[in-house]
PDB file of all heavy atoms in Angstrom:
ATOM      1  N   GLU A   1       0.824  -1.244  -0.001  1.00  0.00           N
ATOM      2  CA  GLU A   1       0.005  -0.001   0.003  1.00  0.00           C
ATOM      3  C   GLU A   1       0.823   1.291   0.010  1.00  0.00           C
ATOM      4  O   GLU A   1       0.416   2.309  -0.481  1.00  0.00           O
ATOM      5  CB  GLU A   1      -0.947  -0.011   1.197  1.00  0.00           C
ATOM      6  CG  GLU A   1      -1.993  -1.106   1.217  1.00  0.00           C
ATOM      7  CD  GLU A   1      -3.096  -0.924   0.223  1.00  0.00           C
ATOM      8  OE1 GLU A   1      -3.250   0.245  -0.254  1.00  0.00           O
ATOM      9  OE2 GLU A   1      -3.764  -1.853  -0.145  1.00  0.00           O
ATOM     10  N   GLU A   2       2.060   1.212   0.555  1.00  0.00           N
ATOM     11  CA  GLU A   2       2.910   2.421   0.608  1.00  0.00           C
ATOM     12  C   GLU A   2       3.259   2.917  -0.811  1.00  0.00           C
ATOM     13  O   GLU A   2       3.443   4.128  -1.040  1.00  0.00           O
ATOM     14  CB  GLU A   2       4.201   2.106   1.362  1.00  0.00           C
ATOM     15  CG  GLU A   2       3.994   1.833   2.838  1.00  0.00           C
ATOM     16  CD  GLU A   2       5.277   1.569   3.567  1.00  0.00           C
ATOM     17  OE1 GLU A   2       6.346   1.628   2.932  1.00  0.00           O
ATOM     18  OE2 GLU A   2       5.223   1.298   4.785  1.00  0.00           O
ATOM     19  N   VAL A   3       3.318   1.951  -1.772  1.00  0.00           N
ATOM     20  CA  VAL A   3       3.621   2.362  -3.151  1.00  0.00           C
ATOM     21  C   VAL A   3       2.561   3.199  -3.778  1.00  0.00           C
ATOM     22  O   VAL A   3       2.829   3.979  -4.712  1.00  0.00           O
ATOM     23  CB  VAL A   3       3.962   1.084  -3.963  1.00  0.00           C
ATOM     24  CG1 VAL A   3       4.301   1.451  -5.416  1.00  0.00           C
ATOM     25  CG2 VAL A   3       5.069   0.296  -3.364  1.00  0.00           C
ATOM     26  N   LEU A   4       1.327   3.093  -3.319  1.00  0.00           N
ATOM     27  CA  LEU A   4       0.239   3.869  -3.842  1.00  0.00           C
ATOM     28  C   LEU A   4       0.508   5.375  -3.741  1.00  0.00           C
ATOM     29  O   LEU A   4      -0.049   6.133  -4.490  1.00  0.00           O
ATOM     30  CB  LEU A   4      -1.057   3.533  -3.131  1.00  0.00           C
ATOM     31  CG  LEU A   4      -1.710   2.166  -3.445  1.00  0.00           C
ATOM     32  CD1 LEU A   4      -2.949   1.931  -2.590  1.00  0.00           C
ATOM     33  CD2 LEU A   4      -2.055   2.067  -4.925  1.00  0.00           C
ATOM     34  N   ASN A   5       1.271   5.761  -2.775  1.00  0.00           N
ATOM     35  CA  ASN A   5       1.559   7.181  -2.523  1.00  0.00           C
ATOM     36  C   ASN A   5       2.830   7.651  -3.269  1.00  0.00           C
ATOM     37  O   ASN A   5       3.240   8.802  -3.179  1.00  0.00           O
ATOM     38  CB  ASN A   5       1.753   7.428  -1.052  1.00  0.00           C
ATOM     39  CG  ASN A   5       0.502   7.111  -0.272  1.00  0.00           C
ATOM     40  OD1 ASN A   5      -0.580   7.393  -0.703  1.00  0.00           O
ATOM     41  ND2 ASN A   5       0.681   6.451   0.892  1.00  0.00           N
ATOM     42  N   SER A   6       3.430   6.742  -4.073  1.00  0.00           N
ATOM     43  CA  SER A   6       4.665   7.106  -4.776  1.00  0.00           C
ATOM     44  C   SER A   6       4.373   8.020  -5.948  1.00  0.00           C
ATOM     45  O   SER A   6       3.397   7.849  -6.661  1.00  0.00           O
ATOM     46  CB  SER A   6       5.386   5.851  -5.245  1.00  0.00           C
ATOM     47  OG  SER A   6       6.473   6.167  -6.082  1.00  0.00           O
ATOM     48  N   ASP A   7       5.210   8.989  -6.210  1.00  0.00           N
ATOM     49  CA  ASP A   7       5.096   9.828  -7.387  1.00  0.00           C
ATOM     50  C   ASP A   7       5.792   9.184  -8.591  1.00  0.00           C
ATOM     51  O   ASP A   7       5.697   9.758  -9.693  1.00  0.00           O
ATOM     52  CB  ASP A   7       5.761  11.198  -7.118  1.00  0.00           C
ATOM     53  CG  ASP A   7       4.983  11.983  -6.071  1.00  0.00           C
ATOM     54  OD1 ASP A   7       3.740  11.838  -5.969  1.00  0.00           O
ATOM     55  OD2 ASP A   7       5.647  12.730  -5.334  1.00  0.00           O
ATOM     56  N   ASP A   8       6.425   8.067  -8.382  1.00  0.00           N
ATOM     57  CA  ASP A   8       7.173   7.376  -9.437  1.00  0.00           C
ATOM     58  C   ASP A   8       6.246   6.368 -10.063  1.00  0.00           C
ATOM     59  O   ASP A   8       5.990   5.291  -9.508  1.00  0.00           O
ATOM     60  CB  ASP A   8       8.418   6.733  -8.874  1.00  0.00           C
ATOM     61  CG  ASP A   8       9.273   6.074  -9.948  1.00  0.00           C
ATOM     62  OD1 ASP A   8       8.823   5.859 -11.039  1.00  0.00           O
ATOM     63  OD2 ASP A   8      10.479   5.838  -9.620  1.00  0.00           O
ATOM     64  N   ILE A   9       5.748   6.620 -11.278  1.00  0.00           N
ATOM     65  CA  ILE A   9       4.792   5.718 -11.905  1.00  0.00           C
ATOM     66  C   ILE A   9       5.399   4.371 -12.239  1.00  0.00           C
ATOM     67  O   ILE A   9       4.758   3.316 -12.236  1.00  0.00           O
ATOM     68  CB  ILE A   9       4.191   6.339 -13.176  1.00  0.00           C
ATOM     69  CG1 ILE A   9       2.940   5.537 -13.648  1.00  0.00           C
ATOM     70  CG2 ILE A   9       5.214   6.469 -14.335  1.00  0.00           C
ATOM     71  CD1 ILE A   9       2.125   6.239 -14.687  1.00  0.00           C
ATOM     72  N   ILE A  10       6.720   4.354 -12.530  1.00  0.00           N
ATOM     73  CA  ILE A  10       7.378   3.082 -12.838  1.00  0.00           C
ATOM     74  C   ILE A  10       7.512   2.210 -11.547  1.00  0.00           C
ATOM     75  O   ILE A  10       7.396   0.999 -11.635  1.00  0.00           O
ATOM     76  CB  ILE A  10       8.745   3.312 -13.470  1.00  0.00           C
ATOM     77  CG1 ILE A  10       8.591   4.091 -14.794  1.00  0.00           C
ATOM     78  CG2 ILE A  10       9.456   1.981 -13.775  1.00  0.00           C
ATOM     79  CD1 ILE A  10       7.657   3.465 -15.799  1.00  0.00           C
ATOM     80  N   GLU A  11       7.721   2.874 -10.431  1.00  0.00           N
ATOM     81  CA  GLU A  11       7.736   2.108  -9.160  1.00  0.00           C
ATOM     82  C   GLU A  11       6.374   1.476  -8.918  1.00  0.00           C
ATOM     83  O   GLU A  11       6.298   0.294  -8.506  1.00  0.00           O
ATOM     84  CB  GLU A  11       8.107   2.998  -8.010  1.00  0.00           C
ATOM     85  CG  GLU A  11       8.174   2.316  -6.666  1.00  0.00           C
ATOM     86  CD  GLU A  11       8.453   3.232  -5.472  1.00  0.00           C
ATOM     87  OE1 GLU A  11       8.257   4.462  -5.631  1.00  0.00           O
ATOM     88  OE2 GLU A  11       8.886   2.756  -4.459  1.00  0.00           O
ATOM     89  N   LEU A  12       5.296   2.226  -9.176  1.00  0.00           N
ATOM     90  CA  LEU A  12       3.988   1.667  -8.997  1.00  0.00           C
ATOM     91  C   LEU A  12       3.720   0.567 -10.029  1.00  0.00           C
ATOM     92  O   LEU A  12       3.180  -0.495  -9.678  1.00  0.00           O
ATOM     93  CB  LEU A  12       2.926   2.787  -9.153  1.00  0.00           C
ATOM     94  CG  LEU A  12       1.446   2.388  -9.051  1.00  0.00           C
ATOM     95  CD1 LEU A  12       1.190   1.642  -7.759  1.00  0.00           C
ATOM     96  CD2 LEU A  12       0.567   3.626  -9.187  1.00  0.00           C
ATOM     97  N   PHE A  13       4.084   0.794 -11.269  1.00  0.00           N
ATOM     98  CA  PHE A  13       3.946  -0.249 -12.315  1.00  0.00           C
ATOM     99  C   PHE A  13       4.633  -1.499 -11.914  1.00  0.00           C
ATOM    100  O   PHE A  13       4.107  -2.624 -12.047  1.00  0.00           O
ATOM    101  CB  PHE A  13       4.509   0.310 -13.606  1.00  0.00           C
ATOM    102  CG  PHE A  13       4.665  -0.712 -14.714  1.00  0.00           C
ATOM    103  CD1 PHE A  13       3.595  -1.208 -15.401  1.00  0.00           C
ATOM    104  CD2 PHE A  13       5.942  -1.198 -15.030  1.00  0.00           C
ATOM    105  CE1 PHE A  13       3.766  -2.142 -16.437  1.00  0.00           C
ATOM    106  CE2 PHE A  13       6.145  -2.146 -16.007  1.00  0.00           C
ATOM    107  CZ  PHE A  13       5.026  -2.630 -16.765  1.00  0.00           C
ATOM    108  N   THR A  14       5.877  -1.414 -11.402  1.00  0.00           N
ATOM    109  CA  THR A  14       6.629  -2.553 -10.957  1.00  0.00           C
ATOM    110  C   THR A  14       5.920  -3.348  -9.880  1.00  0.00           C
ATOM    111  O   THR A  14       5.847  -4.558  -9.846  1.00  0.00           O
ATOM    112  CB  THR A  14       8.032  -2.124 -10.474  1.00  0.00           C
ATOM    113  OG1 THR A  14       8.735  -1.450 -11.533  1.00  0.00           O
ATOM    114  CG2 THR A  14       8.869  -3.321 -10.015  1.00  0.00           C
ATOM    115  N   GLU A  15       5.374  -2.625  -8.893  1.00  0.00           N
ATOM    116  CA  GLU A  15       4.683  -3.240  -7.840  1.00  0.00           C
ATOM    117  C   GLU A  15       3.382  -3.940  -8.284  1.00  0.00           C
ATOM    118  O   GLU A  15       3.009  -5.021  -7.837  1.00  0.00           O
ATOM    119  CB  GLU A  15       4.358  -2.238  -6.709  1.00  0.00           C
ATOM    120  CG  GLU A  15       3.507  -2.774  -5.557  1.00  0.00           C
ATOM    121  CD  GLU A  15       4.175  -3.922  -4.780  1.00  0.00           C
ATOM    122  OE1 GLU A  15       5.423  -4.128  -4.972  1.00  0.00           O
ATOM    123  OE2 GLU A  15       3.471  -4.617  -3.981  1.00  0.00           O
ATOM    124  N   LEU A  16       2.702  -3.287  -9.239  1.00  0.00           N
ATOM    125  CA  LEU A  16       1.481  -3.877  -9.801  1.00  0.00           C
ATOM    126  C   LEU A  16       1.813  -5.172 -10.566  1.00  0.00           C
ATOM    127  O   LEU A  16       1.103  -6.176 -10.479  1.00  0.00           O
ATOM    128  CB  LEU A  16       0.771  -2.906 -10.724  1.00  0.00           C
ATOM    129  CG  LEU A  16       0.206  -1.646 -10.061  1.00  0.00           C
ATOM    130  CD1 LEU A  16      -0.375  -0.715 -11.078  1.00  0.00           C
ATOM    131  CD2 LEU A  16      -0.846  -2.003  -9.011  1.00  0.00           C
ATOM    132  N   LYS A  17       2.922  -5.154 -11.322  1.00  0.00           N
ATOM    133  CA  LYS A  17       3.369  -6.359 -12.013  1.00  0.00           C
ATOM    134  C   LYS A  17       3.685  -7.465 -11.033  1.00  0.00           C
ATOM    135  O   LYS A  17       3.395  -8.627 -11.289  1.00  0.00           O
ATOM    136  CB  LYS A  17       4.579  -6.034 -12.866  1.00  0.00           C
ATOM    137  CG  LYS A  17       4.237  -5.454 -14.208  1.00  0.00           C
ATOM    138  CD  LYS A  17       3.565  -6.426 -15.139  1.00  0.00           C
ATOM    139  CE  LYS A  17       3.451  -5.946 -16.577  1.00  0.00           C
ATOM    140  NZ  LYS A  17       2.821  -6.956 -17.497  1.00  0.00           N
ATOM    141  N   ARG A  18       4.296  -7.120  -9.924  1.00  0.00           N
ATOM    142  CA  ARG A  18       4.600  -8.138  -8.900  1.00  0.00           C
ATOM    143  C   ARG A  18       3.295  -8.733  -8.385  1.00  0.00           C
ATOM    144  O   ARG A  18       3.185  -9.938  -8.236  1.00  0.00           O
ATOM    145  CB  ARG A  18       5.366  -7.501  -7.757  1.00  0.00           C
ATOM    146  CG  ARG A  18       5.847  -8.519  -6.701  1.00  0.00           C
ATOM    147  CD  ARG A  18       6.061  -7.869  -5.355  1.00  0.00           C
ATOM    148  NE  ARG A  18       4.841  -7.290  -4.868  1.00  0.00           N
ATOM    149  CZ  ARG A  18       3.820  -7.938  -4.338  1.00  0.00           C
ATOM    150  NH1 ARG A  18       3.800  -9.286  -4.277  1.00  0.00           N
ATOM    151  NH2 ARG A  18       2.768  -7.317  -3.888  1.00  0.00           N
ATOM    152  N   ALA A  19       2.304  -7.867  -8.126  1.00  0.00           N
ATOM    153  CA  ALA A  19       1.000  -8.363  -7.648  1.00  0.00           C
ATOM    154  C   ALA A  19       0.365  -9.302  -8.673  1.00  0.00           C
ATOM    155  O   ALA A  19      -0.321 -10.221  -8.296  1.00  0.00           O
ATOM    156  CB  ALA A  19       0.093  -7.193  -7.339  1.00  0.00           C
ATOM    157  N   ASP A  20       0.628  -9.044  -9.943  1.00  0.00           N
ATOM    158  CA  ASP A  20       0.102  -9.906 -11.011  1.00  0.00           C
ATOM    159  C   ASP A  20       0.895 -11.176 -11.264  1.00  0.00           C
ATOM    160  O   ASP A  20       0.553 -11.940 -12.116  1.00  0.00           O
ATOM    161  CB  ASP A  20       0.076  -9.095 -12.342  1.00  0.00           C
ATOM    162  CG  ASP A  20      -1.106  -8.058 -12.374  1.00  0.00           C
ATOM    163  OD1 ASP A  20      -2.003  -8.217 -11.567  1.00  0.00           O
ATOM    164  OD2 ASP A  20      -0.991  -7.144 -13.222  1.00  0.00           O
ATOM    165  N   GLY A  21       1.938 -11.377 -10.443  1.00  0.00           N
ATOM    166  CA  GLY A  21       2.715 -12.595 -10.558  1.00  0.00           C
ATOM    167  C   GLY A  21       4.044 -12.520 -11.269  1.00  0.00           C
ATOM    168  O   GLY A  21       4.729 -13.523 -11.467  1.00  0.00           O
ATOM    169  N   PHE A  22       4.434 -11.304 -11.692  1.00  0.00           N
ATOM    170  CA  PHE A  22       5.750 -11.161 -12.320  1.00  0.00           C
ATOM    171  C   PHE A  22       6.768 -10.722 -11.276  1.00  0.00           C
ATOM    172  O   PHE A  22       6.559  -9.721 -10.627  1.00  0.00           O
ATOM    173  CB  PHE A  22       5.644 -10.067 -13.404  1.00  0.00           C
ATOM    174  CG  PHE A  22       4.956 -10.485 -14.654  1.00  0.00           C
ATOM    175  CD1 PHE A  22       3.566 -10.396 -14.698  1.00  0.00           C
ATOM    176  CD2 PHE A  22       5.627 -10.948 -15.723  1.00  0.00           C
ATOM    177  CE1 PHE A  22       2.856 -10.797 -15.893  1.00  0.00           C
ATOM    178  CE2 PHE A  22       4.969 -11.339 -16.914  1.00  0.00           C
ATOM    179  CZ  PHE A  22       3.604 -11.274 -16.941  1.00  0.00           C
ATOM    180  N   ASP A  23       7.818 -11.496 -11.201  1.00  0.00           N
ATOM    181  CA  ASP A  23       8.910 -11.146 -10.260  1.00  0.00           C
ATOM    182  C   ASP A  23       9.879 -10.245 -11.030  1.00  0.00           C
ATOM    183  O   ASP A  23      10.589 -10.673 -11.908  1.00  0.00           O
ATOM    184  CB  ASP A  23       9.641 -12.390  -9.799  1.00  0.00           C
ATOM    185  CG  ASP A  23      10.776 -12.107  -8.825  1.00  0.00           C
ATOM    186  OD1 ASP A  23      10.991 -10.920  -8.485  1.00  0.00           O
ATOM    187  OD2 ASP A  23      11.432 -13.058  -8.400  1.00  0.00           O
ATOM    188  N   VAL A  24       9.874  -8.932 -10.692  1.00  0.00           N
ATOM    189  CA  VAL A  24      10.684  -8.011 -11.399  1.00  0.00           C
ATOM    190  C   VAL A  24      11.928  -7.608 -10.603  1.00  0.00           C
ATOM    191  O   VAL A  24      12.633  -6.651 -10.909  1.00  0.00           O
ATOM    192  CB  VAL A  24       9.909  -6.707 -11.766  1.00  0.00           C
ATOM    193  CG1 VAL A  24       8.832  -7.019 -12.741  1.00  0.00           C
ATOM    194  CG2 VAL A  24       9.358  -6.054 -10.567  1.00  0.00           C
ATOM    195  N   GLY A  25      12.249  -8.375  -9.602  1.00  0.00           N
ATOM    196  CA  GLY A  25      13.448  -8.179  -8.802  1.00  0.00           C
ATOM    197  C   GLY A  25      14.277  -9.424  -8.698  1.00  0.00           C
ATOM    198  O   GLY A  25      14.002 -10.403  -9.343  1.00  0.00           O
ATOM    199  N   GLY A  26      15.317  -9.404  -7.861  1.00  0.00           N
ATOM    200  CA  GLY A  26      16.068 -10.580  -7.572  1.00  0.00           C
ATOM    201  C   GLY A  26      16.759 -11.194  -8.792  1.00  0.00           C
ATOM    202  O   GLY A  26      16.896 -12.419  -8.858  1.00  0.00           O
ATOM    203  N   GLY A  27      17.148 -10.358  -9.764  1.00  0.00           N
ATOM    204  CA  GLY A  27      17.831 -10.852 -10.901  1.00  0.00           C
ATOM    205  C   GLY A  27      16.944 -11.440 -11.978  1.00  0.00           C
ATOM    206  O   GLY A  27      17.373 -12.009 -12.938  1.00  0.00           O
ATOM    207  N   GLU A  28      15.594 -11.293 -11.784  1.00  0.00           N
ATOM    208  CA  GLU A  28      14.644 -11.801 -12.778  1.00  0.00           C
ATOM    209  C   GLU A  28      14.370 -10.723 -13.817  1.00  0.00           C
ATOM    210  O   GLU A  28      15.276 -10.044 -14.285  1.00  0.00           O
ATOM    211  CB  GLU A  28      13.424 -12.308 -12.042  1.00  0.00           C
ATOM    212  CG  GLU A  28      13.638 -13.408 -11.074  1.00  0.00           C
ATOM    213  CD  GLU A  28      14.057 -14.718 -11.727  1.00  0.00           C
ATOM    214  OE1 GLU A  28      13.720 -14.926 -12.923  1.00  0.00           O
ATOM    215  OE2 GLU A  28      14.771 -15.502 -11.087  1.00  0.00           O
ATOM    216  N   ILE A  29      13.109 -10.521 -14.166  1.00  0.00           N
ATOM    217  CA  ILE A  29      12.774  -9.503 -15.180  1.00  0.00           C
ATOM    218  C   ILE A  29      12.897  -8.132 -14.576  1.00  0.00           C
ATOM    219  O   ILE A  29      12.257  -7.767 -13.561  1.00  0.00           O
ATOM    220  CB  ILE A  29      11.343  -9.697 -15.701  1.00  0.00           C
ATOM    221  CG1 ILE A  29      11.057 -11.156 -16.011  1.00  0.00           C
ATOM    222  CG2 ILE A  29      11.116  -8.844 -16.929  1.00  0.00           C
ATOM    223  CD1 ILE A  29       9.658 -11.402 -16.380  1.00  0.00           C
ATOM    224  N   ALA A  30      13.720  -7.291 -15.191  1.00  0.00           N
ATOM    225  CA  ALA A  30      13.866  -5.914 -14.698  1.00  0.00           C
ATOM    226  C   ALA A  30      12.668  -5.071 -15.123  1.00  0.00           C
ATOM    227  O   ALA A  30      12.049  -5.335 -16.175  1.00  0.00           O
ATOM    228  CB  ALA A  30      15.145  -5.298 -15.255  1.00  0.00           C
ATOM    229  N   ALA A  31      12.351  -4.060 -14.307  1.00  0.00           N
ATOM    230  CA  ALA A  31      11.226  -3.199 -14.636  1.00  0.00           C
ATOM    231  C   ALA A  31      11.332  -2.597 -16.000  1.00  0.00           C
ATOM    232  O   ALA A  31      10.366  -2.483 -16.754  1.00  0.00           O
ATOM    233  CB  ALA A  31      11.035  -2.157 -13.577  1.00  0.00           C
ATOM    234  N   ASP A  32      12.573  -2.161 -16.398  1.00  0.00           N
ATOM    235  CA  ASP A  32      12.702  -1.474 -17.682  1.00  0.00           C
ATOM    236  C   ASP A  32      12.459  -2.430 -18.838  1.00  0.00           C
ATOM    237  O   ASP A  32      12.051  -1.994 -19.920  1.00  0.00           O
ATOM    238  CB  ASP A  32      14.066  -0.806 -17.824  1.00  0.00           C
ATOM    239  CG  ASP A  32      15.248  -1.767 -17.664  1.00  0.00           C
ATOM    240  OD1 ASP A  32      15.021  -2.943 -17.360  1.00  0.00           O
ATOM    241  OD2 ASP A  32      16.404  -1.331 -17.831  1.00  0.00           O
ATOM    242  N   ALA A  33      12.703  -3.746 -18.623  1.00  0.00           N
ATOM    243  CA  ALA A  33      12.388  -4.716 -19.681  1.00  0.00           C
ATOM    244  C   ALA A  33      10.901  -4.823 -19.914  1.00  0.00           C
ATOM    245  O   ALA A  33      10.451  -4.969 -21.028  1.00  0.00           O
ATOM    246  CB  ALA A  33      13.005  -6.084 -19.317  1.00  0.00           C
ATOM    247  N   LEU A  34      10.115  -4.775 -18.821  1.00  0.00           N
ATOM    248  CA  LEU A  34       8.661  -4.866 -18.926  1.00  0.00           C
ATOM    249  C   LEU A  34       8.099  -3.528 -19.551  1.00  0.00           C
ATOM    250  O   LEU A  34       7.130  -3.574 -20.307  1.00  0.00           O
ATOM    251  CB  LEU A  34       8.042  -5.095 -17.589  1.00  0.00           C
ATOM    252  CG  LEU A  34       8.309  -6.536 -17.040  1.00  0.00           C
ATOM    253  CD1 LEU A  34       7.766  -6.676 -15.611  1.00  0.00           C
ATOM    254  CD2 LEU A  34       7.656  -7.587 -17.919  1.00  0.00           C
ATOM    255  N   VAL A  35       8.711  -2.381 -19.236  1.00  0.00           N
ATOM    256  CA  VAL A  35       8.314  -1.143 -19.857  1.00  0.00           C
ATOM    257  C   VAL A  35       8.590  -1.171 -21.356  1.00  0.00           C
ATOM    258  O   VAL A  35       7.797  -0.747 -22.177  1.00  0.00           O
ATOM    259  CB  VAL A  35       9.024   0.050 -19.160  1.00  0.00           C
ATOM    260  CG1 VAL A  35       8.680   1.332 -19.933  1.00  0.00           C
ATOM    261  CG2 VAL A  35       8.589   0.186 -17.721  1.00  0.00           C
ATOM    262  N   LYS A  36       9.766  -1.720 -21.715  1.00  0.00           N
ATOM    263  CA  LYS A  36      10.091  -1.846 -23.140  1.00  0.00           C
ATOM    264  C   LYS A  36       9.117  -2.760 -23.827  1.00  0.00           C
ATOM    265  O   LYS A  36       8.703  -2.510 -24.977  1.00  0.00           O
ATOM    266  CB  LYS A  36      11.543  -2.376 -23.292  1.00  0.00           C
ATOM    267  CG  LYS A  36      11.996  -2.490 -24.694  1.00  0.00           C
ATOM    268  CD  LYS A  36      13.455  -2.971 -24.759  1.00  0.00           C
ATOM    269  CE  LYS A  36      13.991  -3.019 -26.169  1.00  0.00           C
ATOM    270  NZ  LYS A  36      15.364  -3.550 -26.271  1.00  0.00           N
ATOM    271  N   GLN A  37       8.683  -3.853 -23.155  1.00  0.00           N
ATOM    272  CA  GLN A  37       7.672  -4.727 -23.735  1.00  0.00           C
ATOM    273  C   GLN A  37       6.386  -3.957 -23.960  1.00  0.00           C
ATOM    274  O   GLN A  37       5.738  -4.125 -25.022  1.00  0.00           O
ATOM    275  CB  GLN A  37       7.445  -5.923 -22.830  1.00  0.00           C
ATOM    276  CG  GLN A  37       6.366  -6.890 -23.336  1.00  0.00           C
ATOM    277  CD  GLN A  37       5.870  -7.867 -22.310  1.00  0.00           C
ATOM    278  OE1 GLN A  37       5.691  -7.525 -21.144  1.00  0.00           O
ATOM    279  NE2 GLN A  37       5.607  -9.112 -22.739  1.00  0.00           N
TER     280      GLN A  37
END
């Protein structure tokens, strides 16, 4: 929920992708790769 208050839309996008089952950390898919997609 803390991310909801973020001004960084990519941070929010990353957290939403994580909620959807995409692991965008820990050496897996980077957020910028998903934005490029």
